[in-house]
Amino acid sequence: MPPTTKSELTVISAFTTRLALRPDGERVCVVLAREFYDRCDALWPHSTEGVTPQWIAGHVFEILAVCERLYGEATCLPLAHEFFSRMAWLPELLKASISRRCSTHEPALCQSDSPRGPAWAQ
């Protein structure tokens, strides 16, 4: 596995492992759902039919788990470079928030429209 890919996999794995234990985990999931929806073409390049904000919000952990697995196995795939290019935003997004706690003063995964998250995901 190339060093960059291993580093990205480590970031995704660490974030996924810690998310369920974060005191602000629910709020982070709401923001992640919004990020996933905004990038649904990267996550599902062949078709986004049936992909709704509500569906994504209900499956954040599963989406992260699949991404983690794909990062771990993608180097064996003929189109690995295309996958890593398409998904380059994910490790950066997660890396920026691994050690953060959500507050109104922090960017990226730690912002939402209300204490319950954006209305579209409720």
PDB file of N, CA and C in Angstrom:
ATOM      1  N   MET A   1       0.849  -1.169   0.000  1.00  0.00           N
ATOM      2  CA  MET A   1       0.000   0.000   0.000  1.00  0.00           C
ATOM      3  C   MET A   1       0.895   1.233   0.000  1.00  0.00           C
ATOM      4  N   PRO A   2       0.670   2.184  -0.914  1.00  0.00           N
ATOM      5  CA  PRO A   2       1.469   3.403  -0.941  1.00  0.00           C
ATOM      6  C   PRO A   2       1.347   4.173   0.371  1.00  0.00           C
ATOM      7  N   PRO A   3       2.401   4.898   0.779  1.00  0.00           N
ATOM      8  CA  PRO A   3       2.369   5.616   2.063  1.00  0.00           C
ATOM      9  C   PRO A   3       1.184   6.567   2.209  1.00  0.00           C
ATOM     10  N   THR A   4       0.850   7.306   1.166  1.00  0.00           N
ATOM     11  CA  THR A   4      -0.277   8.238   1.253  1.00  0.00           C
ATOM     12  C   THR A   4      -1.570   7.486   1.515  1.00  0.00           C
ATOM     13  N   THR A   5      -1.773   6.397   0.802  1.00  0.00           N
ATOM     14  CA  THR A   5      -2.989   5.609   0.980  1.00  0.00           C
ATOM     15  C   THR A   5      -3.065   5.039   2.388  1.00  0.00           C
ATOM     16  N   LYS A   6      -1.954   4.569   2.914  1.00  0.00           N
ATOM     17  CA  LYS A   6      -1.926   4.025   4.277  1.00  0.00           C
ATOM     18  C   LYS A   6      -2.265   5.121   5.280  1.00  0.00           C
ATOM     19  N   SER A   7      -1.735   6.298   5.075  1.00  0.00           N
ATOM     20  CA  SER A   7      -2.023   7.427   5.952  1.00  0.00           C
ATOM     21  C   SER A   7      -3.496   7.796   5.892  1.00  0.00           C
ATOM     22  N   GLU A   8      -4.056   7.834   4.699  1.00  0.00           N
ATOM     23  CA  GLU A   8      -5.475   8.159   4.541  1.00  0.00           C
ATOM     24  C   GLU A   8      -6.349   7.103   5.199  1.00  0.00           C
ATOM     25  N   LEU A   9      -5.995   5.844   5.040  1.00  0.00           N
ATOM     26  CA  LEU A   9      -6.741   4.767   5.680  1.00  0.00           C
ATOM     27  C   LEU A   9      -6.676   4.906   7.197  1.00  0.00           C
ATOM     28  N   THR A  10      -5.527   5.267   7.723  1.00  0.00           N
ATOM     29  CA  THR A  10      -5.373   5.460   9.166  1.00  0.00           C
ATOM     30  C   THR A  10      -6.287   6.569   9.667  1.00  0.00           C
ATOM     31  N   VAL A  11      -6.365   7.654   8.926  1.00  0.00           N
ATOM     32  CA  VAL A  11      -7.242   8.766   9.301  1.00  0.00           C
ATOM     33  C   VAL A  11      -8.697   8.311   9.326  1.00  0.00           C
ATOM     34  N   ILE A  12      -9.128   7.639   8.278  1.00  0.00           N
ATOM     35  CA  ILE A  12     -10.524   7.185   8.193  1.00  0.00           C
ATOM     36  C   ILE A  12     -10.827   6.181   9.305  1.00  0.00           C
ATOM     37  N   SER A  13      -9.924   5.251   9.539  1.00  0.00           N
ATOM     38  CA  SER A  13     -10.131   4.241  10.591  1.00  0.00           C
ATOM     39  C   SER A  13     -10.206   4.882  11.969  1.00  0.00           C
ATOM     40  N   ALA A  14      -9.303   5.800  12.249  1.00  0.00           N
ATOM     41  CA  ALA A  14      -9.289   6.460  13.558  1.00  0.00           C
ATOM     42  C   ALA A  14     -10.570   7.253  13.778  1.00  0.00           C
ATOM     43  N   PHE A  15     -10.994   7.976  12.757  1.00  0.00           N
ATOM     44  CA  PHE A  15     -12.218   8.768  12.880  1.00  0.00           C
ATOM     45  C   PHE A  15     -13.426   7.862  13.098  1.00  0.00           C
ATOM     46  N   THR A  16     -13.539   6.828  12.284  1.00  0.00           N
ATOM     47  CA  THR A  16     -14.678   5.915  12.368  1.00  0.00           C
ATOM     48  C   THR A  16     -14.743   5.252  13.736  1.00  0.00           C
ATOM     49  N   THR A  17     -13.595   4.841  14.256  1.00  0.00           N
ATOM     50  CA  THR A  17     -13.534   4.179  15.560  1.00  0.00           C
ATOM     51  C   THR A  17     -13.967   5.108  16.680  1.00  0.00           C
ATOM     52  N   ARG A  18     -13.561   6.351  16.615  1.00  0.00           N
ATOM     53  CA  ARG A  18     -13.835   7.299  17.698  1.00  0.00           C
ATOM     54  C   ARG A  18     -15.207   7.965  17.613  1.00  0.00           C
ATOM     55  N   LEU A  19     -15.818   7.959  16.449  1.00  0.00           N
ATOM     56  CA  LEU A  19     -17.055   8.701  16.261  1.00  0.00           C
ATOM     57  C   LEU A  19     -18.150   8.280  17.240  1.00  0.00           C
ATOM     58  N   ALA A  20     -18.343   7.009  17.431  1.00  0.00           N
ATOM     59  CA  ALA A  20     -19.415   6.531  18.316  1.00  0.00           C
ATOM     60  C   ALA A  20     -19.181   6.934  19.774  1.00  0.00           C
ATOM     61  N   LEU A  21     -17.929   7.205  20.135  1.00  0.00           N
ATOM     62  CA  LEU A  21     -17.607   7.552  21.516  1.00  0.00           C
ATOM     63  C   LEU A  21     -17.546   9.052  21.766  1.00  0.00           C
ATOM     64  N   ARG A  22     -17.595   9.837  20.712  1.00  0.00           N
ATOM     65  CA  ARG A  22     -17.516  11.292  20.872  1.00  0.00           C
ATOM     66  C   ARG A  22     -18.783  11.805  21.532  1.00  0.00           C
ATOM     67  N   PRO A  23     -18.656  12.698  22.518  1.00  0.00           N
ATOM     68  CA  PRO A  23     -19.850  13.275  23.138  1.00  0.00           C
ATOM     69  C   PRO A  23     -20.699  14.055  22.133  1.00  0.00           C
ATOM     70  N   ASP A  24     -20.058  14.561  21.097  1.00  0.00           N
ATOM     71  CA  ASP A  24     -20.760  15.321  20.062  1.00  0.00           C
ATOM     72  C   ASP A  24     -20.990  14.469  18.819  1.00  0.00           C
ATOM     73  N   GLY A  25     -20.960  13.162  18.960  1.00  0.00           N
ATOM     74  CA  GLY A  25     -21.052  12.241  17.833  1.00  0.00           C
ATOM     75  C   GLY A  25     -22.298  12.411  16.988  1.00  0.00           C
ATOM     76  N   GLU A  26     -23.443  12.612  17.637  1.00  0.00           N
ATOM     77  CA  GLU A  26     -24.681  12.777  16.865  1.00  0.00           C
ATOM     78  C   GLU A  26     -24.626  14.028  16.000  1.00  0.00           C
ATOM     79  N   ARG A  27     -24.122  15.076  16.566  1.00  0.00           N
ATOM     80  CA  ARG A  27     -24.018  16.329  15.828  1.00  0.00           C
ATOM     81  C   ARG A  27     -23.017  16.188  14.676  1.00  0.00           C
ATOM     82  N   VAL A  28     -21.912  15.518  14.916  1.00  0.00           N
ATOM     83  CA  VAL A  28     -20.923  15.297  13.867  1.00  0.00           C
ATOM     84  C   VAL A  28     -21.537  14.446  12.753  1.00  0.00           C
ATOM     85  N   CYS A  29     -22.326  13.450  13.108  1.00  0.00           N
ATOM     86  CA  CYS A  29     -22.996  12.625  12.093  1.00  0.00           C
ATOM     87  C   CYS A  29     -23.920  13.456  11.214  1.00  0.00           C
ATOM     88  N   VAL A  30     -24.611  14.415  11.796  1.00  0.00           N
ATOM     89  CA  VAL A  30     -25.499  15.281  11.018  1.00  0.00           C
ATOM     90  C   VAL A  30     -24.684  16.084  10.009  1.00  0.00           C
ATOM     91  N   VAL A  31     -23.563  16.621  10.460  1.00  0.00           N
ATOM     92  CA  VAL A  31     -22.722  17.407   9.562  1.00  0.00           C
ATOM     93  C   VAL A  31     -22.089  16.505   8.507  1.00  0.00           C
ATOM     94  N   LEU A  32     -21.659  15.308   8.909  1.00  0.00           N
ATOM     95  CA  LEU A  32     -21.113  14.348   7.942  1.00  0.00           C
ATOM     96  C   LEU A  32     -22.158  13.989   6.892  1.00  0.00           C
ATOM     97  N   ALA A  33     -23.382  13.803   7.325  1.00  0.00           N
ATOM     98  CA  ALA A  33     -24.456  13.482   6.378  1.00  0.00           C
ATOM     99  C   ALA A  33     -24.584  14.583   5.336  1.00  0.00           C
ATOM    100  N   ARG A  34     -24.508  15.821   5.773  1.00  0.00           N
ATOM    101  CA  ARG A  34     -24.582  16.941   4.828  1.00  0.00           C
ATOM    102  C   ARG A  34     -23.404  16.909   3.860  1.00  0.00           C
ATOM    103  N   GLU A  35     -22.203  16.650   4.388  1.00  0.00           N
ATOM    104  CA  GLU A  35     -21.006  16.565   3.535  1.00  0.00           C
ATOM    105  C   GLU A  35     -21.139  15.414   2.540  1.00  0.00           C
ATOM    106  N   PHE A  36     -21.630  14.278   3.000  1.00  0.00           N
ATOM    107  CA  PHE A  36     -21.821  13.128   2.110  1.00  0.00           C
ATOM    108  C   PHE A  36     -22.840  13.456   1.018  1.00  0.00           C
ATOM    109  N   TYR A  37     -23.925  14.131   1.404  1.00  0.00           N
ATOM    110  CA  TYR A  37     -24.930  14.471   0.407  1.00  0.00           C
ATOM    111  C   TYR A  37     -24.376  15.458  -0.617  1.00  0.00           C
ATOM    112  N   ASP A  38     -23.604  16.425  -0.134  1.00  0.00           N
ATOM    113  CA  ASP A  38     -23.004  17.400  -1.048  1.00  0.00           C
ATOM    114  C   ASP A  38     -22.034  16.742  -2.027  1.00  0.00           C
ATOM    115  N   ARG A  39     -21.489  15.588  -1.656  1.00  0.00           N
ATOM    116  CA  ARG A  39     -20.520  14.893  -2.505  1.00  0.00           C
ATOM    117  C   ARG A  39     -21.039  13.523  -2.952  1.00  0.00           C
ATOM    118  N   CYS A  40     -22.338  13.391  -3.047  1.00  0.00           N
ATOM    119  CA  CYS A  40     -22.903  12.077  -3.382  1.00  0.00           C
ATOM    120  C   CYS A  40     -22.441  11.571  -4.748  1.00  0.00           C
ATOM    121  N   ASP A  41     -22.111  12.457  -5.662  1.00  0.00           N
ATOM    122  CA  ASP A  41     -21.597  12.004  -6.959  1.00  0.00           C
ATOM    123  C   ASP A  41     -20.239  11.326  -6.824  1.00  0.00           C
ATOM    124  N   ALA A  42     -19.440  11.731  -5.851  1.00  0.00           N
ATOM    125  CA  ALA A  42     -18.150  11.079  -5.605  1.00  0.00           C
ATOM    126  C   ALA A  42     -18.341   9.735  -4.905  1.00  0.00           C
ATOM    127  N   LEU A  43     -19.314   9.686  -4.004  1.00  0.00           N
ATOM    128  CA  LEU A  43     -19.569   8.441  -3.279  1.00  0.00           C
ATOM    129  C   LEU A  43     -20.253   7.394  -4.150  1.00  0.00           C
ATOM    130  N   TRP A  44     -21.172   7.836  -4.978  1.00  0.00           N
ATOM    131  CA  TRP A  44     -21.916   6.930  -5.852  1.00  0.00           C
ATOM    132  C   TRP A  44     -21.791   7.424  -7.295  1.00  0.00           C
ATOM    133  N   PRO A  45     -20.646   7.199  -7.941  1.00  0.00           N
ATOM    134  CA  PRO A  45     -20.411   7.781  -9.268  1.00  0.00           C
ATOM    135  C   PRO A  45     -21.308   7.230 -10.379  1.00  0.00           C
ATOM    136  N   HIS A  46     -21.861   6.055 -10.199  1.00  0.00           N
ATOM    137  CA  HIS A  46     -22.662   5.454 -11.262  1.00  0.00           C
ATOM    138  C   HIS A  46     -24.125   5.863 -11.222  1.00  0.00           C
ATOM    139  N   SER A  47     -24.620   6.154 -10.031  1.00  0.00           N
ATOM    140  CA  SER A  47     -26.008   6.577  -9.911  1.00  0.00           C
ATOM    141  C   SER A  47     -26.274   7.076  -8.497  1.00  0.00           C
ATOM    142  N   THR A  48     -26.998   8.173  -8.405  1.00  0.00           N
ATOM    143  CA  THR A  48     -27.408   8.679  -7.101  1.00  0.00           C
ATOM    144  C   THR A  48     -28.921   8.516  -6.908  1.00  0.00           C
ATOM    145  N   GLU A  49     -29.520   7.697  -7.742  1.00  0.00           N
ATOM    146  CA  GLU A  49     -30.952   7.445  -7.635  1.00  0.00           C
ATOM    147  C   GLU A  49     -31.263   6.845  -6.263  1.00  0.00           C
ATOM    148  N   GLY A  50     -32.203   7.422  -5.581  1.00  0.00           N
ATOM    149  CA  GLY A  50     -32.592   6.929  -4.263  1.00  0.00           C
ATOM    150  C   GLY A  50     -31.756   7.482  -3.122  1.00  0.00           C
ATOM    151  N   VAL A  51     -30.719   8.225  -3.434  1.00  0.00           N
ATOM    152  CA  VAL A  51     -29.873   8.810  -2.392  1.00  0.00           C
ATOM    153  C   VAL A  51     -30.517  10.120  -1.957  1.00  0.00           C
ATOM    154  N   THR A  52     -31.016  10.124  -0.741  1.00  0.00           N
ATOM    155  CA  THR A  52     -31.664  11.317  -0.195  1.00  0.00           C
ATOM    156  C   THR A  52     -30.921  11.766   1.059  1.00  0.00           C
ATOM    157  N   PRO A  53     -31.088  13.010   1.452  1.00  0.00           N
ATOM    158  CA  PRO A  53     -30.459  13.462   2.704  1.00  0.00           C
ATOM    159  C   PRO A  53     -30.888  12.613   3.898  1.00  0.00           C
ATOM    160  N   GLN A  54     -32.152  12.213   3.917  1.00  0.00           N
ATOM    161  CA  GLN A  54     -32.645  11.408   5.037  1.00  0.00           C
ATOM    162  C   GLN A  54     -31.998  10.021   5.054  1.00  0.00           C
ATOM    163  N   TRP A  55     -31.841   9.418   3.884  1.00  0.00           N
ATOM    164  CA  TRP A  55     -31.217   8.098   3.823  1.00  0.00           C
ATOM    165  C   TRP A  55     -29.770   8.182   4.277  1.00  0.00           C
ATOM    166  N   ILE A  56     -29.055   9.168   3.787  1.00  0.00           N
ATOM    167  CA  ILE A  56     -27.654   9.335   4.182  1.00  0.00           C
ATOM    168  C   ILE A  56     -27.559   9.573   5.685  1.00  0.00           C
ATOM    169  N   ALA A  57     -28.404  10.447   6.226  1.00  0.00           N
ATOM    170  CA  ALA A  57     -28.374  10.739   7.664  1.00  0.00           C
ATOM    171  C   ALA A  57     -28.580   9.480   8.502  1.00  0.00           C
ATOM    172  N   GLY A  58     -29.368   8.551   8.009  1.00  0.00           N
ATOM    173  CA  GLY A  58     -29.616   7.303   8.733  1.00  0.00           C
ATOM    174  C   GLY A  58     -28.540   6.245   8.531  1.00  0.00           C
ATOM    175  N   HIS A  59     -27.565   6.511   7.660  1.00  0.00           N
ATOM    176  CA  HIS A  59     -26.556   5.499   7.333  1.00  0.00           C
ATOM    177  C   HIS A  59     -25.121   6.032   7.362  1.00  0.00           C
ATOM    178  N   VAL A  60     -24.867   7.047   8.160  1.00  0.00           N
ATOM    179  CA  VAL A  60     -23.530   7.647   8.217  1.00  0.00           C
ATOM    180  C   VAL A  60     -22.476   6.620   8.620  1.00  0.00           C
ATOM    181  N   PHE A  61     -22.749   5.834   9.646  1.00  0.00           N
ATOM    182  CA  PHE A  61     -21.762   4.845  10.103  1.00  0.00           C
ATOM    183  C   PHE A  61     -21.481   3.807   9.020  1.00  0.00           C
ATOM    184  N   GLU A  62     -22.523   3.373   8.343  1.00  0.00           N
ATOM    185  CA  GLU A  62     -22.346   2.385   7.281  1.00  0.00           C
ATOM    186  C   GLU A  62     -21.540   2.955   6.113  1.00  0.00           C
ATOM    187  N   ILE A  63     -21.799   4.207   5.751  1.00  0.00           N
ATOM    188  CA  ILE A  63     -21.058   4.842   4.661  1.00  0.00           C
ATOM    189  C   ILE A  63     -19.587   4.957   5.034  1.00  0.00           C
ATOM    190  N   LEU A  64     -19.313   5.373   6.266  1.00  0.00           N
ATOM    191  CA  LEU A  64     -17.920   5.455   6.719  1.00  0.00           C
ATOM    192  C   LEU A  64     -17.251   4.082   6.698  1.00  0.00           C
ATOM    193  N   ALA A  65     -17.970   3.055   7.133  1.00  0.00           N
ATOM    194  CA  ALA A  65     -17.404   1.700   7.155  1.00  0.00           C
ATOM    195  C   ALA A  65     -17.064   1.215   5.749  1.00  0.00           C
ATOM    196  N   VAL A  66     -17.943   1.486   4.795  1.00  0.00           N
ATOM    197  CA  VAL A  66     -17.677   1.082   3.410  1.00  0.00           C
ATOM    198  C   VAL A  66     -16.482   1.860   2.854  1.00  0.00           C
ATOM    199  N   CYS A  67     -16.421   3.150   3.132  1.00  0.00           N
ATOM    200  CA  CYS A  67     -15.275   3.951   2.669  1.00  0.00           C
ATOM    201  C   CYS A  67     -13.973   3.426   3.261  1.00  0.00           C
ATOM    202  N   GLU A  68     -14.010   3.096   4.540  1.00  0.00           N
ATOM    203  CA  GLU A  68     -12.819   2.547   5.196  1.00  0.00           C
ATOM    204  C   GLU A  68     -12.382   1.249   4.520  1.00  0.00           C
ATOM    205  N   ARG A  69     -13.334   0.388   4.261  1.00  0.00           N
ATOM    206  CA  ARG A  69     -13.006  -0.888   3.611  1.00  0.00           C
ATOM    207  C   ARG A  69     -12.474  -0.674   2.195  1.00  0.00           C
ATOM    208  N   LEU A  70     -13.092   0.221   1.452  1.00  0.00           N
ATOM    209  CA  LEU A  70     -12.628   0.504   0.094  1.00  0.00           C
ATOM    210  C   LEU A  70     -11.224   1.089   0.087  1.00  0.00           C
ATOM    211  N   TYR A  71     -10.943   1.990   1.023  1.00  0.00           N
ATOM    212  CA  TYR A  71      -9.581   2.531   1.108  1.00  0.00           C
ATOM    213  C   TYR A  71      -8.583   1.426   1.403  1.00  0.00           C
ATOM    214  N   GLY A  72      -8.974   0.477   2.252  1.00  0.00           N
ATOM    215  CA  GLY A  72      -8.082  -0.624   2.605  1.00  0.00           C
ATOM    216  C   GLY A  72      -7.827  -1.594   1.470  1.00  0.00           C
ATOM    217  N   GLU A  73      -8.794  -1.737   0.566  1.00  0.00           N
ATOM    218  CA  GLU A  73      -8.672  -2.723  -0.501  1.00  0.00           C
ATOM    219  C   GLU A  73      -8.488  -2.125  -1.895  1.00  0.00           C
ATOM    220  N   ALA A  74      -8.587  -0.826  -2.015  1.00  0.00           N
ATOM    221  CA  ALA A  74      -8.592  -0.197  -3.339  1.00  0.00           C
ATOM    222  C   ALA A  74      -7.273  -0.347  -4.092  1.00  0.00           C
ATOM    223  N   THR A  75      -6.166  -0.502  -3.390  1.00  0.00           N
ATOM    224  CA  THR A  75      -4.891  -0.617  -4.099  1.00  0.00           C
ATOM    225  C   THR A  75      -4.835  -1.877  -4.951  1.00  0.00           C
ATOM    226  N   CYS A  76      -5.691  -2.819  -4.681  1.00  0.00           N
ATOM    227  CA  CYS A  76      -5.747  -4.053  -5.470  1.00  0.00           C
ATOM    228  C   CYS A  76      -6.632  -3.903  -6.701  1.00  0.00           C
ATOM    229  N   LEU A  77      -7.323  -2.803  -6.806  1.00  0.00           N
ATOM    230  CA  LEU A  77      -8.268  -2.594  -7.893  1.00  0.00           C
ATOM    231  C   LEU A  77      -7.598  -1.889  -9.077  1.00  0.00           C
ATOM    232  N   PRO A  78      -7.997  -2.239 -10.293  1.00  0.00           N
ATOM    233  CA  PRO A  78      -7.413  -1.607 -11.475  1.00  0.00           C
ATOM    234  C   PRO A  78      -7.640  -0.098 -11.541  1.00  0.00           C
ATOM    235  N   LEU A  79      -8.739   0.378 -10.985  1.00  0.00           N
ATOM    236  CA  LEU A  79      -9.054   1.796 -11.042  1.00  0.00           C
ATOM    237  C   LEU A  79      -8.792   2.510  -9.712  1.00  0.00           C
ATOM    238  N   ALA A  80      -7.827   2.030  -8.948  1.00  0.00           N
ATOM    239  CA  ALA A  80      -7.553   2.597  -7.625  1.00  0.00           C
ATOM    240  C   ALA A  80      -7.251   4.084  -7.704  1.00  0.00           C
ATOM    241  N   HIS A  81      -6.469   4.502  -8.675  1.00  0.00           N
ATOM    242  CA  HIS A  81      -6.110   5.921  -8.783  1.00  0.00           C
ATOM    243  C   HIS A  81      -7.352   6.792  -8.974  1.00  0.00           C
ATOM    244  N   GLU A  82      -8.330   6.295  -9.726  1.00  0.00           N
ATOM    245  CA  GLU A  82      -9.562   7.045  -9.946  1.00  0.00           C
ATOM    246  C   GLU A  82     -10.350   7.157  -8.641  1.00  0.00           C
ATOM    247  N   PHE A  83     -10.408   6.075  -7.886  1.00  0.00           N
ATOM    248  CA  PHE A  83     -11.107   6.076  -6.599  1.00  0.00           C
ATOM    249  C   PHE A  83     -10.447   7.055  -5.635  1.00  0.00           C
ATOM    250  N   PHE A  84      -9.129   6.979  -5.497  1.00  0.00           N
ATOM    251  CA  PHE A  84      -8.424   7.864  -4.561  1.00  0.00           C
ATOM    252  C   PHE A  84      -8.559   9.325  -4.973  1.00  0.00           C
ATOM    253  N   SER A  85      -8.545   9.594  -6.238  1.00  0.00           N
ATOM    254  CA  SER A  85      -8.714  10.962  -6.731  1.00  0.00           C
ATOM    255  C   SER A  85     -10.121  11.471  -6.421  1.00  0.00           C
ATOM    256  N   ARG A  86     -11.111  10.641  -6.673  1.00  0.00           N
ATOM    257  CA  ARG A  86     -12.512  11.008  -6.448  1.00  0.00           C
ATOM    258  C   ARG A  86     -12.812  11.215  -4.968  1.00  0.00           C
ATOM    259  N   MET A  87     -12.125  10.474  -4.104  1.00  0.00           N
ATOM    260  CA  MET A  87     -12.414  10.499  -2.673  1.00  0.00           C
ATOM    261  C   MET A  87     -11.378  11.274  -1.849  1.00  0.00           C
ATOM    262  N   ALA A  88     -10.515  12.031  -2.489  1.00  0.00           N
ATOM    263  CA  ALA A  88      -9.449  12.743  -1.776  1.00  0.00           C
ATOM    264  C   ALA A  88      -9.984  13.691  -0.703  1.00  0.00           C
ATOM    265  N   TRP A  89     -11.180  14.161  -0.836  1.00  0.00           N
ATOM    266  CA  TRP A  89     -11.776  15.084   0.129  1.00  0.00           C
ATOM    267  C   TRP A  89     -12.052  14.441   1.481  1.00  0.00           C
ATOM    268  N   LEU A  90     -12.319  13.124   1.502  1.00  0.00           N
ATOM    269  CA  LEU A  90     -12.748  12.478   2.740  1.00  0.00           C
ATOM    270  C   LEU A  90     -11.669  12.459   3.822  1.00  0.00           C
ATOM    271  N   PRO A  91     -10.458  11.963   3.557  1.00  0.00           N
ATOM    272  CA  PRO A  91      -9.450  11.971   4.623  1.00  0.00           C
ATOM    273  C   PRO A  91      -9.151  13.385   5.133  1.00  0.00           C
ATOM    274  N   GLU A  92      -9.135  14.356   4.232  1.00  0.00           N
ATOM    275  CA  GLU A  92      -8.870  15.738   4.644  1.00  0.00           C
ATOM    276  C   GLU A  92      -9.964  16.259   5.569  1.00  0.00           C
ATOM    277  N   LEU A  93     -11.201  15.973   5.229  1.00  0.00           N
ATOM    278  CA  LEU A  93     -12.331  16.391   6.055  1.00  0.00           C
ATOM    279  C   LEU A  93     -12.256  15.751   7.438  1.00  0.00           C
ATOM    280  N   LEU A  94     -11.979  14.464   7.478  1.00  0.00           N
ATOM    281  CA  LEU A  94     -11.934  13.752   8.753  1.00  0.00           C
ATOM    282  C   LEU A  94     -10.708  14.142   9.565  1.00  0.00           C
ATOM    283  N   LYS A  95      -9.585  14.313   8.898  1.00  0.00           N
ATOM    284  CA  LYS A  95      -8.346  14.690   9.592  1.00  0.00           C
ATOM    285  C   LYS A  95      -8.521  16.014  10.320  1.00  0.00           C
ATOM    286  N   ALA A  96      -9.231  16.929   9.693  1.00  0.00           N
ATOM    287  CA  ALA A  96      -9.440  18.245  10.282  1.00  0.00           C
ATOM    288  C   ALA A  96     -10.304  18.191  11.539  1.00  0.00           C
ATOM    289  N   SER A  97     -11.005  17.099  11.743  1.00  0.00           N
ATOM    290  CA  SER A  97     -11.927  17.054  12.877  1.00  0.00           C
ATOM    291  C   SER A  97     -11.650  15.939  13.873  1.00  0.00           C
ATOM    292  N   ILE A  98     -10.619  15.154  13.693  1.00  0.00           N
ATOM    293  CA  ILE A  98     -10.377  14.017  14.579  1.00  0.00           C
ATOM    294  C   ILE A  98     -10.297  14.429  16.040  1.00  0.00           C
ATOM    295  N   SER A  99      -9.584  15.478  16.343  1.00  0.00           N
ATOM    296  CA  SER A  99      -9.406  15.847  17.741  1.00  0.00           C
ATOM    297  C   SER A  99     -10.295  16.998  18.176  1.00  0.00           C
ATOM    298  N   ARG A 100     -11.187  17.449  17.317  1.00  0.00           N
ATOM    299  CA  ARG A 100     -12.049  18.577  17.656  1.00  0.00           C
ATOM    300  C   ARG A 100     -13.317  18.122  18.332  1.00  0.00           C
ATOM    301  N   ARG A 101     -13.847  19.007  19.121  1.00  0.00           N
ATOM    302  CA  ARG A 101     -15.177  18.837  19.675  1.00  0.00           C
ATOM    303  C   ARG A 101     -16.038  19.904  19.014  1.00  0.00           C
ATOM    304  N   CYS A 102     -17.269  19.581  18.763  1.00  0.00           N
ATOM    305  CA  CYS A 102     -18.129  20.544  18.080  1.00  0.00           C
ATOM    306  C   CYS A 102     -18.440  21.734  18.964  1.00  0.00           C
ATOM    307  N   SER A 103     -18.307  22.890  18.408  1.00  0.00           N
ATOM    308  CA  SER A 103     -18.717  24.128  19.044  1.00  0.00           C
ATOM    309  C   SER A 103     -19.055  25.106  17.933  1.00  0.00           C
ATOM    310  N   THR A 104     -19.631  26.190  18.278  1.00  0.00           N
ATOM    311  CA  THR A 104     -19.998  27.155  17.250  1.00  0.00           C
ATOM    312  C   THR A 104     -18.780  27.903  16.734  1.00  0.00           C
ATOM    313  N   HIS A 105     -17.612  27.708  17.354  1.00  0.00           N
ATOM    314  CA  HIS A 105     -16.416  28.431  16.950  1.00  0.00           C
ATOM    315  C   HIS A 105     -15.499  27.625  16.060  1.00  0.00           C
ATOM    316  N   GLU A 106     -15.843  26.406  15.729  1.00  0.00           N
ATOM    317  CA  GLU A 106     -14.957  25.559  14.931  1.00  0.00           C
ATOM    318  C   GLU A 106     -15.547  25.289  13.557  1.00  0.00           C
ATOM    319  N   PRO A 107     -14.684  25.140  12.537  1.00  0.00           N
ATOM    320  CA  PRO A 107     -15.146  24.942  11.171  1.00  0.00           C
ATOM    321  C   PRO A 107     -15.437  23.484  10.841  1.00  0.00           C
ATOM    322  N   ALA A 108     -15.694  23.253   9.576  1.00  0.00           N
ATOM    323  CA  ALA A 108     -15.852  21.928   8.963  1.00  0.00           C
ATOM    324  C   ALA A 108     -16.911  21.105   9.664  1.00  0.00           C
ATOM    325  N   LEU A 109     -16.528  19.955  10.221  1.00  0.00           N
ATOM    326  CA  LEU A 109     -17.498  19.033  10.796  1.00  0.00           C
ATOM    327  C   LEU A 109     -18.136  19.548  12.069  1.00  0.00           C
ATOM    328  N   CYS A 110     -17.662  20.632  12.586  1.00  0.00           N
ATOM    329  CA  CYS A 110     -18.164  21.104  13.865  1.00  0.00           C
ATOM    330  C   CYS A 110     -19.114  22.274  13.747  1.00  0.00           C
ATOM    331  N   GLN A 111     -19.709  22.460  12.596  1.00  0.00           N
ATOM    332  CA  GLN A 111     -20.718  23.499  12.451  1.00  0.00           C
ATOM    333  C   GLN A 111     -22.027  22.875  12.000  1.00  0.00           C
ATOM    334  N   SER A 112     -23.092  23.404  12.498  1.00  0.00           N
ATOM    335  CA  SER A 112     -24.408  23.012  12.007  1.00  0.00           C
ATOM    336  C   SER A 112     -25.345  24.190  12.170  1.00  0.00           C
ATOM    337  N   ASP A 113     -26.507  24.112  11.581  1.00  0.00           N
ATOM    338  CA  ASP A 113     -27.440  25.224  11.573  1.00  0.00           C
ATOM    339  C   ASP A 113     -28.173  25.412  12.891  1.00  0.00           C
ATOM    340  N   SER A 114     -28.273  24.364  13.679  1.00  0.00           N
ATOM    341  CA  SER A 114     -28.968  24.442  14.953  1.00  0.00           C
ATOM    342  C   SER A 114     -28.404  23.350  15.856  1.00  0.00           C
ATOM    343  N   PRO A 115     -28.764  23.352  17.142  1.00  0.00           N
ATOM    344  CA  PRO A 115     -28.272  22.291  18.025  1.00  0.00           C
ATOM    345  C   PRO A 115     -28.652  20.889  17.554  1.00  0.00           C
ATOM    346  N   ARG A 116     -29.743  20.779  16.797  1.00  0.00           N
ATOM    347  CA  ARG A 116     -30.169  19.471  16.287  1.00  0.00           C
ATOM    348  C   ARG A 116     -29.644  19.210  14.888  1.00  0.00           C
ATOM    349  N   GLY A 117     -28.882  20.157  14.330  1.00  0.00           N
ATOM    350  CA  GLY A 117     -28.355  19.996  12.984  1.00  0.00           C
ATOM    351  C   GLY A 117     -29.236  20.673  11.965  1.00  0.00           C
ATOM    352  N   PRO A 118     -28.838  20.624  10.716  1.00  0.00           N
ATOM    353  CA  PRO A 118     -29.613  21.287   9.676  1.00  0.00           C
ATOM    354  C   PRO A 118     -30.992  20.638   9.501  1.00  0.00           C
ATOM    355  N   ALA A 119     -31.955  21.457   9.136  1.00  0.00           N
ATOM    356  CA  ALA A 119     -33.324  20.978   9.010  1.00  0.00           C
ATOM    357  C   ALA A 119     -33.468  19.861   7.986  1.00  0.00           C
ATOM    358  N   TRP A 120     -32.660  19.880   6.908  1.00  0.00           N
ATOM    359  CA  TRP A 120     -32.821  18.881   5.859  1.00  0.00           C
ATOM    360  C   TRP A 120     -32.547  17.470   6.340  1.00  0.00           C
ATOM    361  N   ALA A 121     -31.797  17.298   7.426  1.00  0.00           N
ATOM    362  CA  ALA A 121     -31.460  15.955   7.889  1.00  0.00           C
ATOM    363  C   ALA A 121     -32.355  15.481   9.021  1.00  0.00           C
ATOM    364  N   GLN A 122     -33.329  16.278   9.415  1.00  0.00           N
ATOM    365  CA  GLN A 122     -34.166  15.891  10.556  1.00  0.00           C
ATOM    366  C   GLN A 122     -35.423  15.194  10.087  1.00  0.00           C
TER     367      GLN A 122
END
